[in-house]
PDB file of N, CA and C in Angstrom:
ATOM      1  N   MET A   1      51.189  58.604  75.163  1.00  0.00           N
ATOM      2  CA  MET A   1      51.638  59.980  75.167  1.00  0.00           C
ATOM      3  C   MET A   1      50.542  60.894  75.711  1.00  0.00           C
ATOM      4  N   HIS A   2      49.303  60.750  75.244  1.00  0.00           N
ATOM      5  CA  HIS A   2      48.243  61.651  75.669  1.00  0.00           C
ATOM      6  C   HIS A   2      47.602  61.237  76.978  1.00  0.00           C
ATOM      7  N   SER A   3      48.070  60.154  77.582  1.00  0.00           N
ATOM      8  CA  SER A   3      47.450  59.707  78.827  1.00  0.00           C
ATOM      9  C   SER A   3      48.120  60.306  80.060  1.00  0.00           C
ATOM     10  N   ALA A   4      49.328  60.811  79.933  1.00  0.00           N
ATOM     11  CA  ALA A   4      50.030  61.416  81.068  1.00  0.00           C
ATOM     12  C   ALA A   4      49.567  62.863  81.234  1.00  0.00           C
ATOM     13  N   PRO A   5      48.945  63.199  82.372  1.00  0.00           N
ATOM     14  CA  PRO A   5      48.401  64.551  82.560  1.00  0.00           C
ATOM     15  C   PRO A   5      49.430  65.661  82.361  1.00  0.00           C
ATOM     16  N   SER A   6      50.642  65.489  82.866  1.00  0.00           N
ATOM     17  CA  SER A   6      51.634  66.555  82.727  1.00  0.00           C
ATOM     18  C   SER A   6      52.048  66.739  81.270  1.00  0.00           C
ATOM     19  N   LEU A   7      52.106  65.654  80.522  1.00  0.00           N
ATOM     20  CA  LEU A   7      52.448  65.747  79.107  1.00  0.00           C
ATOM     21  C   LEU A   7      51.306  66.387  78.325  1.00  0.00           C
ATOM     22  N   ARG A   8      50.092  66.025  78.671  1.00  0.00           N
ATOM     23  CA  ARG A   8      48.924  66.635  78.011  1.00  0.00           C
ATOM     24  C   ARG A   8      48.905  68.142  78.248  1.00  0.00           C
ATOM     25  N   LEU A   9      49.210  68.559  79.467  1.00  0.00           N
ATOM     26  CA  LEU A   9      49.245  69.984  79.788  1.00  0.00           C
ATOM     27  C   LEU A   9      50.326  70.683  78.976  1.00  0.00           C
ATOM     28  N   ARG A  10      51.477  70.067  78.869  1.00  0.00           N
ATOM     29  CA  ARG A  10      52.590  70.662  78.104  1.00  0.00           C
ATOM     30  C   ARG A  10      52.218  70.784  76.629  1.00  0.00           C
ATOM     31  N   ILE A  11      51.563  69.781  76.075  1.00  0.00           N
ATOM     32  CA  ILE A  11      51.132  69.833  74.678  1.00  0.00           C
ATOM     33  C   ILE A  11      50.135  70.971  74.481  1.00  0.00           C
ATOM     34  N   LEU A  12      49.204  71.114  75.412  1.00  0.00           N
ATOM     35  CA  LEU A  12      48.225  72.198  75.339  1.00  0.00           C
ATOM     36  C   LEU A  12      48.914  73.557  75.417  1.00  0.00           C
ATOM     37  N   GLU A  13      49.866  73.697  76.329  1.00  0.00           N
ATOM     38  CA  GLU A  13      50.598  74.952  76.465  1.00  0.00           C
ATOM     39  C   GLU A  13      51.346  75.294  75.173  1.00  0.00           C
ATOM     40  N   GLN A  14      51.969  74.308  74.565  1.00  0.00           N
ATOM     41  CA  GLN A  14      52.686  74.536  73.311  1.00  0.00           C
ATOM     42  C   GLN A  14      51.730  74.937  72.206  1.00  0.00           C
ATOM     43  N   SER A  15      50.578  74.307  72.178  1.00  0.00           N
ATOM     44  CA  SER A  15      49.585  74.629  71.165  1.00  0.00           C
ATOM     45  C   SER A  15      49.110  76.077  71.313  1.00  0.00           C
ATOM     46  N   VAL A  16      48.813  76.488  72.545  1.00  0.00           N
ATOM     47  CA  VAL A  16      48.362  77.861  72.802  1.00  0.00           C
ATOM     48  C   VAL A  16      49.459  78.849  72.419  1.00  0.00           C
ATOM     49  N   HIS A  17      50.690  78.547  72.790  1.00  0.00           N
ATOM     50  CA  HIS A  17      51.814  79.429  72.453  1.00  0.00           C
ATOM     51  C   HIS A  17      51.963  79.529  70.928  1.00  0.00           C
ATOM     52  N   SER A  18      51.827  78.421  70.245  1.00  0.00           N
ATOM     53  CA  SER A  18      51.934  78.402  68.790  1.00  0.00           C
ATOM     54  C   SER A  18      50.848  79.261  68.151  1.00  0.00           C
ATOM     55  N   VAL A  19      49.623  79.137  68.629  1.00  0.00           N
ATOM     56  CA  VAL A  19      48.511  79.952  68.115  1.00  0.00           C
ATOM     57  C   VAL A  19      48.778  81.425  68.402  1.00  0.00           C
ATOM     58  N   ASP A  20      49.230  81.738  69.608  1.00  0.00           N
ATOM     59  CA  ASP A  20      49.519  83.131  69.972  1.00  0.00           C
ATOM     60  C   ASP A  20      50.559  83.737  69.032  1.00  0.00           C
ATOM     61  N   ALA A  21      51.636  83.016  68.800  1.00  0.00           N
ATOM     62  CA  ALA A  21      52.717  83.534  67.959  1.00  0.00           C
ATOM     63  C   ALA A  21      52.261  83.708  66.509  1.00  0.00           C
ATOM     64  N   LEU A  22      51.559  82.728  65.990  1.00  0.00           N
ATOM     65  CA  LEU A  22      51.088  82.811  64.620  1.00  0.00           C
ATOM     66  C   LEU A  22      50.042  83.916  64.460  1.00  0.00           C
ATOM     67  N   ALA A  23      49.144  84.035  65.416  1.00  0.00           N
ATOM     68  CA  ALA A  23      48.126  85.089  65.374  1.00  0.00           C
ATOM     69  C   ALA A  23      48.773  86.472  65.427  1.00  0.00           C
ATOM     70  N   ALA A  24      49.788  86.620  66.253  1.00  0.00           N
ATOM     71  CA  ALA A  24      50.490  87.904  66.335  1.00  0.00           C
ATOM     72  C   ALA A  24      51.148  88.252  65.005  1.00  0.00           C
ATOM     73  N   ALA A  25      51.739  87.253  64.355  1.00  0.00           N
ATOM     74  CA  ALA A  25      52.364  87.496  63.052  1.00  0.00           C
ATOM     75  C   ALA A  25      51.319  87.876  62.001  1.00  0.00           C
ATOM     76  N   PHE A  26      50.187  87.183  61.996  1.00  0.00           N
ATOM     77  CA  PHE A  26      49.106  87.532  61.066  1.00  0.00           C
ATOM     78  C   PHE A  26      48.608  88.947  61.324  1.00  0.00           C
ATOM     79  N   ALA A  27      48.372  89.261  62.585  1.00  0.00           N
ATOM     80  CA  ALA A  27      47.853  90.582  62.941  1.00  0.00           C
ATOM     81  C   ALA A  27      48.838  91.679  62.530  1.00  0.00           C
ATOM     82  N   GLU A  28      50.102  91.450  62.792  1.00  0.00           N
ATOM     83  CA  GLU A  28      51.120  92.436  62.417  1.00  0.00           C
ATOM     84  C   GLU A  28      51.126  92.644  60.906  1.00  0.00           C
ATOM     85  N   GLN A  29      51.080  91.553  60.157  1.00  0.00           N
ATOM     86  CA  GLN A  29      51.070  91.622  58.699  1.00  0.00           C
ATOM     87  C   GLN A  29      49.861  92.408  58.188  1.00  0.00           C
ATOM     88  N   ALA A  30      48.727  92.252  58.860  1.00  0.00           N
ATOM     89  CA  ALA A  30      47.493  92.911  58.444  1.00  0.00           C
ATOM     90  C   ALA A  30      47.339  94.309  59.042  1.00  0.00           C
ATOM     91  N   GLY A  31      48.262  94.695  59.921  1.00  0.00           N
ATOM     92  CA  GLY A  31      48.153  95.992  60.577  1.00  0.00           C
ATOM     93  C   GLY A  31      47.044  96.030  61.616  1.00  0.00           C
ATOM     94  N   ALA A  32      46.731  94.878  62.187  1.00  0.00           N
ATOM     95  CA  ALA A  32      45.663  94.768  63.180  1.00  0.00           C
ATOM     96  C   ALA A  32      46.253  94.653  64.582  1.00  0.00           C
ATOM     97  N   GLU A  33      45.377  94.725  65.566  1.00  0.00           N
ATOM     98  CA  GLU A  33      45.788  94.519  66.960  1.00  0.00           C
ATOM     99  C   GLU A  33      46.238  93.076  67.153  1.00  0.00           C
ATOM    100  N   ALA A  34      47.135  92.850  68.101  1.00  0.00           N
ATOM    101  CA  ALA A  34      47.668  91.504  68.350  1.00  0.00           C
ATOM    102  C   ALA A  34      46.580  90.507  68.733  1.00  0.00           C
ATOM    103  N   ALA A  35      45.507  90.985  69.369  1.00  0.00           N
ATOM    104  CA  ALA A  35      44.428  90.088  69.803  1.00  0.00           C
ATOM    105  C   ALA A  35      43.302  89.996  68.770  1.00  0.00           C
ATOM    106  N   ASP A  36      43.563  90.413  67.533  1.00  0.00           N
ATOM    107  CA  ASP A  36      42.544  90.389  66.477  1.00  0.00           C
ATOM    108  C   ASP A  36      41.938  88.993  66.346  1.00  0.00           C
ATOM    109  N   VAL A  37      40.618  88.923  66.414  1.00  0.00           N
ATOM    110  CA  VAL A  37      39.925  87.628  66.416  1.00  0.00           C
ATOM    111  C   VAL A  37      40.128  86.871  65.100  1.00  0.00           C
ATOM    112  N   ILE A  38      40.163  87.560  63.989  1.00  0.00           N
ATOM    113  CA  ILE A  38      40.338  86.882  62.697  1.00  0.00           C
ATOM    114  C   ILE A  38      41.733  86.264  62.616  1.00  0.00           C
ATOM    115  N   ALA A  39      42.727  86.982  63.098  1.00  0.00           N
ATOM    116  CA  ALA A  39      44.089  86.432  63.118  1.00  0.00           C
ATOM    117  C   ALA A  39      44.142  85.190  64.003  1.00  0.00           C
ATOM    118  N   ARG A  40      43.446  85.221  65.137  1.00  0.00           N
ATOM    119  CA  ARG A  40      43.433  84.068  66.055  1.00  0.00           C
ATOM    120  C   ARG A  40      42.685  82.893  65.441  1.00  0.00           C
ATOM    121  N   VAL A  41      41.585  83.163  64.742  1.00  0.00           N
ATOM    122  CA  VAL A  41      40.842  82.080  64.088  1.00  0.00           C
ATOM    123  C   VAL A  41      41.723  81.416  63.031  1.00  0.00           C
ATOM    124  N   ALA A  42      42.375  82.219  62.207  1.00  0.00           N
ATOM    125  CA  ALA A  42      43.246  81.663  61.170  1.00  0.00           C
ATOM    126  C   ALA A  42      44.376  80.843  61.785  1.00  0.00           C
ATOM    127  N   ALA A  43      45.019  81.379  62.809  1.00  0.00           N
ATOM    128  CA  ALA A  43      46.112  80.668  63.473  1.00  0.00           C
ATOM    129  C   ALA A  43      45.619  79.365  64.094  1.00  0.00           C
ATOM    130  N   SER A  44      44.447  79.390  64.679  1.00  0.00           N
ATOM    131  CA  SER A  44      43.885  78.184  65.297  1.00  0.00           C
ATOM    132  C   SER A  44      43.595  77.112  64.252  1.00  0.00           C
ATOM    133  N   GLN A  45      43.118  77.522  63.086  1.00  0.00           N
ATOM    134  CA  GLN A  45      42.839  76.562  62.018  1.00  0.00           C
ATOM    135  C   GLN A  45      44.128  75.897  61.535  1.00  0.00           C
ATOM    136  N   ILE A  46      45.167  76.684  61.394  1.00  0.00           N
ATOM    137  CA  ILE A  46      46.451  76.129  60.961  1.00  0.00           C
ATOM    138  C   ILE A  46      46.991  75.177  62.009  1.00  0.00           C
ATOM    139  N   ARG A  47      46.944  75.578  63.257  1.00  0.00           N
ATOM    140  CA  ARG A  47      47.450  74.714  64.333  1.00  0.00           C
ATOM    141  C   ARG A  47      46.643  73.421  64.425  1.00  0.00           C
ATOM    142  N   ALA A  48      45.326  73.510  64.290  1.00  0.00           N
ATOM    143  CA  ALA A  48      44.487  72.307  64.344  1.00  0.00           C
ATOM    144  C   ALA A  48      44.823  71.370  63.188  1.00  0.00           C
ATOM    145  N   THR A  49      45.095  71.926  62.029  1.00  0.00           N
ATOM    146  CA  THR A  49      45.459  71.110  60.873  1.00  0.00           C
ATOM    147  C   THR A  49      46.780  70.393  61.133  1.00  0.00           C
ATOM    148  N   GLU A  50      47.755  71.119  61.629  1.00  0.00           N
ATOM    149  CA  GLU A  50      49.045  70.496  61.968  1.00  0.00           C
ATOM    150  C   GLU A  50      48.853  69.355  62.959  1.00  0.00           C
ATOM    151  N   THR A  51      48.079  69.622  63.991  1.00  0.00           N
ATOM    152  CA  THR A  51      47.857  68.622  65.043  1.00  0.00           C
ATOM    153  C   THR A  51      47.223  67.362  64.484  1.00  0.00           C
ATOM    154  N   GLU A  52      46.193  67.512  63.679  1.00  0.00           N
ATOM    155  CA  GLU A  52      45.511  66.337  63.126  1.00  0.00           C
ATOM    156  C   GLU A  52      46.407  65.549  62.188  1.00  0.00           C
ATOM    157  N   LEU A  53      47.225  66.237  61.408  1.00  0.00           N
ATOM    158  CA  LEU A  53      48.164  65.536  60.528  1.00  0.00           C
ATOM    159  C   LEU A  53      49.186  64.747  61.338  1.00  0.00           C
ATOM    160  N   VAL A  54      49.707  65.359  62.383  1.00  0.00           N
ATOM    161  CA  VAL A  54      50.677  64.667  63.248  1.00  0.00           C
ATOM    162  C   VAL A  54      50.026  63.465  63.922  1.00  0.00           C
ATOM    163  N   LEU A  55      48.820  63.656  64.460  1.00  0.00           N
ATOM    164  CA  LEU A  55      48.143  62.544  65.143  1.00  0.00           C
ATOM    165  C   LEU A  55      47.888  61.369  64.208  1.00  0.00           C
ATOM    166  N   GLU A  56      47.533  61.663  62.964  1.00  0.00           N
ATOM    167  CA  GLU A  56      47.339  60.577  61.988  1.00  0.00           C
ATOM    168  C   GLU A  56      48.639  59.828  61.734  1.00  0.00           C
ATOM    169  N   ASN A  57      49.735  60.569  61.595  1.00  0.00           N
ATOM    170  CA  ASN A  57      51.026  59.915  61.382  1.00  0.00           C
ATOM    171  C   ASN A  57      51.419  59.063  62.586  1.00  0.00           C
ATOM    172  N   VAL A  58      51.235  59.594  63.776  1.00  0.00           N
ATOM    173  CA  VAL A  58      51.563  58.855  64.998  1.00  0.00           C
ATOM    174  C   VAL A  58      50.694  57.599  65.101  1.00  0.00           C
ATOM    175  N   ARG A  59      49.397  57.744  64.811  1.00  0.00           N
ATOM    176  CA  ARG A  59      48.491  56.602  64.863  1.00  0.00           C
ATOM    177  C   ARG A  59      48.965  55.483  63.934  1.00  0.00           C
ATOM    178  N   ARG A  60      49.345  55.847  62.738  1.00  0.00           N
ATOM    179  CA  ARG A  60      49.790  54.833  61.780  1.00  0.00           C
ATOM    180  C   ARG A  60      51.131  54.230  62.176  1.00  0.00           C
ATOM    181  N   LEU A  61      52.048  55.059  62.627  1.00  0.00           N
ATOM    182  CA  LEU A  61      53.374  54.558  63.018  1.00  0.00           C
ATOM    183  C   LEU A  61      53.283  53.659  64.243  1.00  0.00           C
ATOM    184  N   THR A  62      52.492  54.059  65.227  1.00  0.00           N
ATOM    185  CA  THR A  62      52.350  53.219  66.420  1.00  0.00           C
ATOM    186  C   THR A  62      51.498  51.985  66.133  1.00  0.00           C
ATOM    187  N   GLY A  63      50.779  52.009  65.033  1.00  0.00           N
ATOM    188  CA  GLY A  63      50.007  50.844  64.600  1.00  0.00           C
ATOM    189  C   GLY A  63      50.844  49.838  63.830  1.00  0.00           C
ATOM    190  N   GLY A  64      52.119  50.142  63.644  1.00  0.00           N
ATOM    191  CA  GLY A  64      53.026  49.182  63.033  1.00  0.00           C
ATOM    192  C   GLY A  64      53.459  49.493  61.607  1.00  0.00           C
ATOM    193  N   GLU A  65      52.915  50.542  61.014  1.00  0.00           N
ATOM    194  CA  GLU A  65      53.341  50.878  59.660  1.00  0.00           C
ATOM    195  C   GLU A  65      54.722  51.535  59.701  1.00  0.00           C
ATOM    196  N   SER A  66      55.473  51.338  58.647  1.00  0.00           N
ATOM    197  CA  SER A  66      56.801  51.940  58.588  1.00  0.00           C
ATOM    198  C   SER A  66      56.703  53.391  58.134  1.00  0.00           C
ATOM    199  N   ALA A  67      57.730  54.160  58.472  1.00  0.00           N
ATOM    200  CA  ALA A  67      57.772  55.556  58.045  1.00  0.00           C
ATOM    201  C   ALA A  67      57.753  55.650  56.520  1.00  0.00           C
ATOM    202  N   ALA A  68      58.418  54.730  55.865  1.00  0.00           N
ATOM    203  CA  ALA A  68      58.439  54.725  54.401  1.00  0.00           C
ATOM    204  C   ALA A  68      57.044  54.520  53.822  1.00  0.00           C
ATOM    205  N   ASP A  69      56.239  53.709  54.495  1.00  0.00           N
ATOM    206  CA  ASP A  69      54.873  53.485  54.026  1.00  0.00           C
ATOM    207  C   ASP A  69      53.963  54.676  54.327  1.00  0.00           C
ATOM    208  N   VAL A  70      54.181  55.321  55.450  1.00  0.00           N
ATOM    209  CA  VAL A  70      53.334  56.438  55.874  1.00  0.00           C
ATOM    210  C   VAL A  70      53.670  57.717  55.108  1.00  0.00           C
ATOM    211  N   TYR A  71      54.933  57.900  54.789  1.00  0.00           N
ATOM    212  CA  TYR A  71      55.407  59.162  54.211  1.00  0.00           C
ATOM    213  C   TYR A  71      54.611  59.659  52.996  1.00  0.00           C
ATOM    214  N   PRO A  72      54.415  58.850  51.959  1.00  0.00           N
ATOM    215  CA  PRO A  72      53.687  59.397  50.791  1.00  0.00           C
ATOM    216  C   PRO A  72      52.271  59.860  51.127  1.00  0.00           C
ATOM    217  N   ASP A  73      51.579  59.106  51.966  1.00  0.00           N
ATOM    218  CA  ASP A  73      50.234  59.508  52.373  1.00  0.00           C
ATOM    219  C   ASP A  73      50.274  60.765  53.237  1.00  0.00           C
ATOM    220  N   ALA A  74      51.298  60.874  54.083  1.00  0.00           N
ATOM    221  CA  ALA A  74      51.432  62.051  54.947  1.00  0.00           C
ATOM    222  C   ALA A  74      51.662  63.304  54.113  1.00  0.00           C
ATOM    223  N   VAL A  75      52.508  63.202  53.111  1.00  0.00           N
ATOM    224  CA  VAL A  75      52.772  64.343  52.237  1.00  0.00           C
ATOM    225  C   VAL A  75      51.504  64.736  51.479  1.00  0.00           C
ATOM    226  N   ALA A  76      50.823  63.740  50.926  1.00  0.00           N
ATOM    227  CA  ALA A  76      49.590  64.016  50.179  1.00  0.00           C
ATOM    228  C   ALA A  76      48.521  64.642  51.081  1.00  0.00           C
ATOM    229  N   ALA A  77      48.373  64.117  52.296  1.00  0.00           N
ATOM    230  CA  ALA A  77      47.379  64.661  53.228  1.00  0.00           C
ATOM    231  C   ALA A  77      47.726  66.099  53.609  1.00  0.00           C
ATOM    232  N   ALA A  78      49.002  66.367  53.865  1.00  0.00           N
ATOM    233  CA  ALA A  78      49.426  67.718  54.229  1.00  0.00           C
ATOM    234  C   ALA A  78      49.190  68.689  53.074  1.00  0.00           C
ATOM    235  N   GLN A  79      49.539  68.285  51.876  1.00  0.00           N
ATOM    236  CA  GLN A  79      49.320  69.154  50.723  1.00  0.00           C
ATOM    237  C   GLN A  79      47.832  69.443  50.534  1.00  0.00           C
ATOM    238  N   HIS A  80      47.027  68.423  50.669  1.00  0.00           N
ATOM    239  CA  HIS A  80      45.585  68.601  50.505  1.00  0.00           C
ATOM    240  C   HIS A  80      45.009  69.486  51.613  1.00  0.00           C
ATOM    241  N   ALA A  81      45.354  69.192  52.857  1.00  0.00           N
ATOM    242  CA  ALA A  81      44.820  69.944  53.992  1.00  0.00           C
ATOM    243  C   ALA A  81      45.234  71.407  53.944  1.00  0.00           C
ATOM    244  N   PHE A  82      46.510  71.657  53.689  1.00  0.00           N
ATOM    245  CA  PHE A  82      46.956  73.044  53.654  1.00  0.00           C
ATOM    246  C   PHE A  82      46.472  73.764  52.398  1.00  0.00           C
ATOM    247  N   GLY A  83      46.240  73.017  51.323  1.00  0.00           N
ATOM    248  CA  GLY A  83      45.619  73.606  50.139  1.00  0.00           C
ATOM    249  C   GLY A  83      44.208  74.087  50.448  1.00  0.00           C
ATOM    250  N   LEU A  84      43.460  73.265  51.183  1.00  0.00           N
ATOM    251  CA  LEU A  84      42.120  73.674  51.597  1.00  0.00           C
ATOM    252  C   LEU A  84      42.177  74.927  52.466  1.00  0.00           C
ATOM    253  N   LEU A  85      43.103  74.953  53.394  1.00  0.00           N
ATOM    254  CA  LEU A  85      43.254  76.136  54.244  1.00  0.00           C
ATOM    255  C   LEU A  85      43.617  77.368  53.439  1.00  0.00           C
ATOM    256  N   GLN A  86      44.534  77.196  52.507  1.00  0.00           N
ATOM    257  CA  GLN A  86      44.967  78.332  51.705  1.00  0.00           C
ATOM    258  C   GLN A  86      43.795  78.920  50.917  1.00  0.00           C
ATOM    259  N   ARG A  87      42.990  78.069  50.344  1.00  0.00           N
ATOM    260  CA  ARG A  87      41.837  78.568  49.589  1.00  0.00           C
ATOM    261  C   ARG A  87      40.792  79.162  50.525  1.00  0.00           C
ATOM    262  N   GLY A  88      40.666  78.566  51.719  1.00  0.00           N
ATOM    263  CA  GLY A  88      39.665  79.055  52.658  1.00  0.00           C
ATOM    264  C   GLY A  88      40.091  80.300  53.407  1.00  0.00           C
ATOM    265  N   LEU A  89      41.397  80.397  53.705  1.00  0.00           N
ATOM    266  CA  LEU A  89      41.889  81.541  54.463  1.00  0.00           C
ATOM    267  C   LEU A  89      42.447  82.623  53.532  1.00  0.00           C
ATOM    268  N   GLY A  90      42.681  82.229  52.314  1.00  0.00           N
ATOM    269  CA  GLY A  90      43.131  83.105  51.233  1.00  0.00           C
ATOM    270  C   GLY A  90      43.841  84.386  51.605  1.00  0.00           C
ATOM    271  N   ASP A  91      43.088  85.449  51.844  1.00  0.00           N
ATOM    272  CA  ASP A  91      43.693  86.759  52.019  1.00  0.00           C
ATOM    273  C   ASP A  91      43.920  87.146  53.481  1.00  0.00           C
ATOM    274  N   CYS A  92      43.791  86.188  54.388  1.00  0.00           N
ATOM    275  CA  CYS A  92      44.038  86.491  55.793  1.00  0.00           C
ATOM    276  C   CYS A  92      45.489  86.916  55.974  1.00  0.00           C
ATOM    277  N   GLY A  93      45.695  87.988  56.666  1.00  0.00           N
ATOM    278  CA  GLY A  93      47.051  88.457  56.923  1.00  0.00           C
ATOM    279  C   GLY A  93      47.562  89.400  55.860  1.00  0.00           C
ATOM    280  N   SER A  94      46.703  89.778  54.933  1.00  0.00           N
ATOM    281  CA  SER A  94      47.180  90.728  53.912  1.00  0.00           C
ATOM    282  C   SER A  94      46.262  91.913  53.823  1.00  0.00           C
TER     283      SER A  94
END
């Protein structure tokens, strides 16, 4: 998946669009400018967390593990990762 240049470009474009949209929502919520750096940092952290969680799931699934085997670990990892973000980003957007 990541070896095809056109697919890699599309994934990057989607990631940038996702960060832009999330940052705009954070900035609006906080009454800040759309290009607010703190909103962009927070959005980038969330997007990076999503990406790493997905990549781990893909790695395990393409490595031969079943979805049923991966699922409990995926849920636990997501809860832990987003819990860390929530405590670290706490009042961002408010």
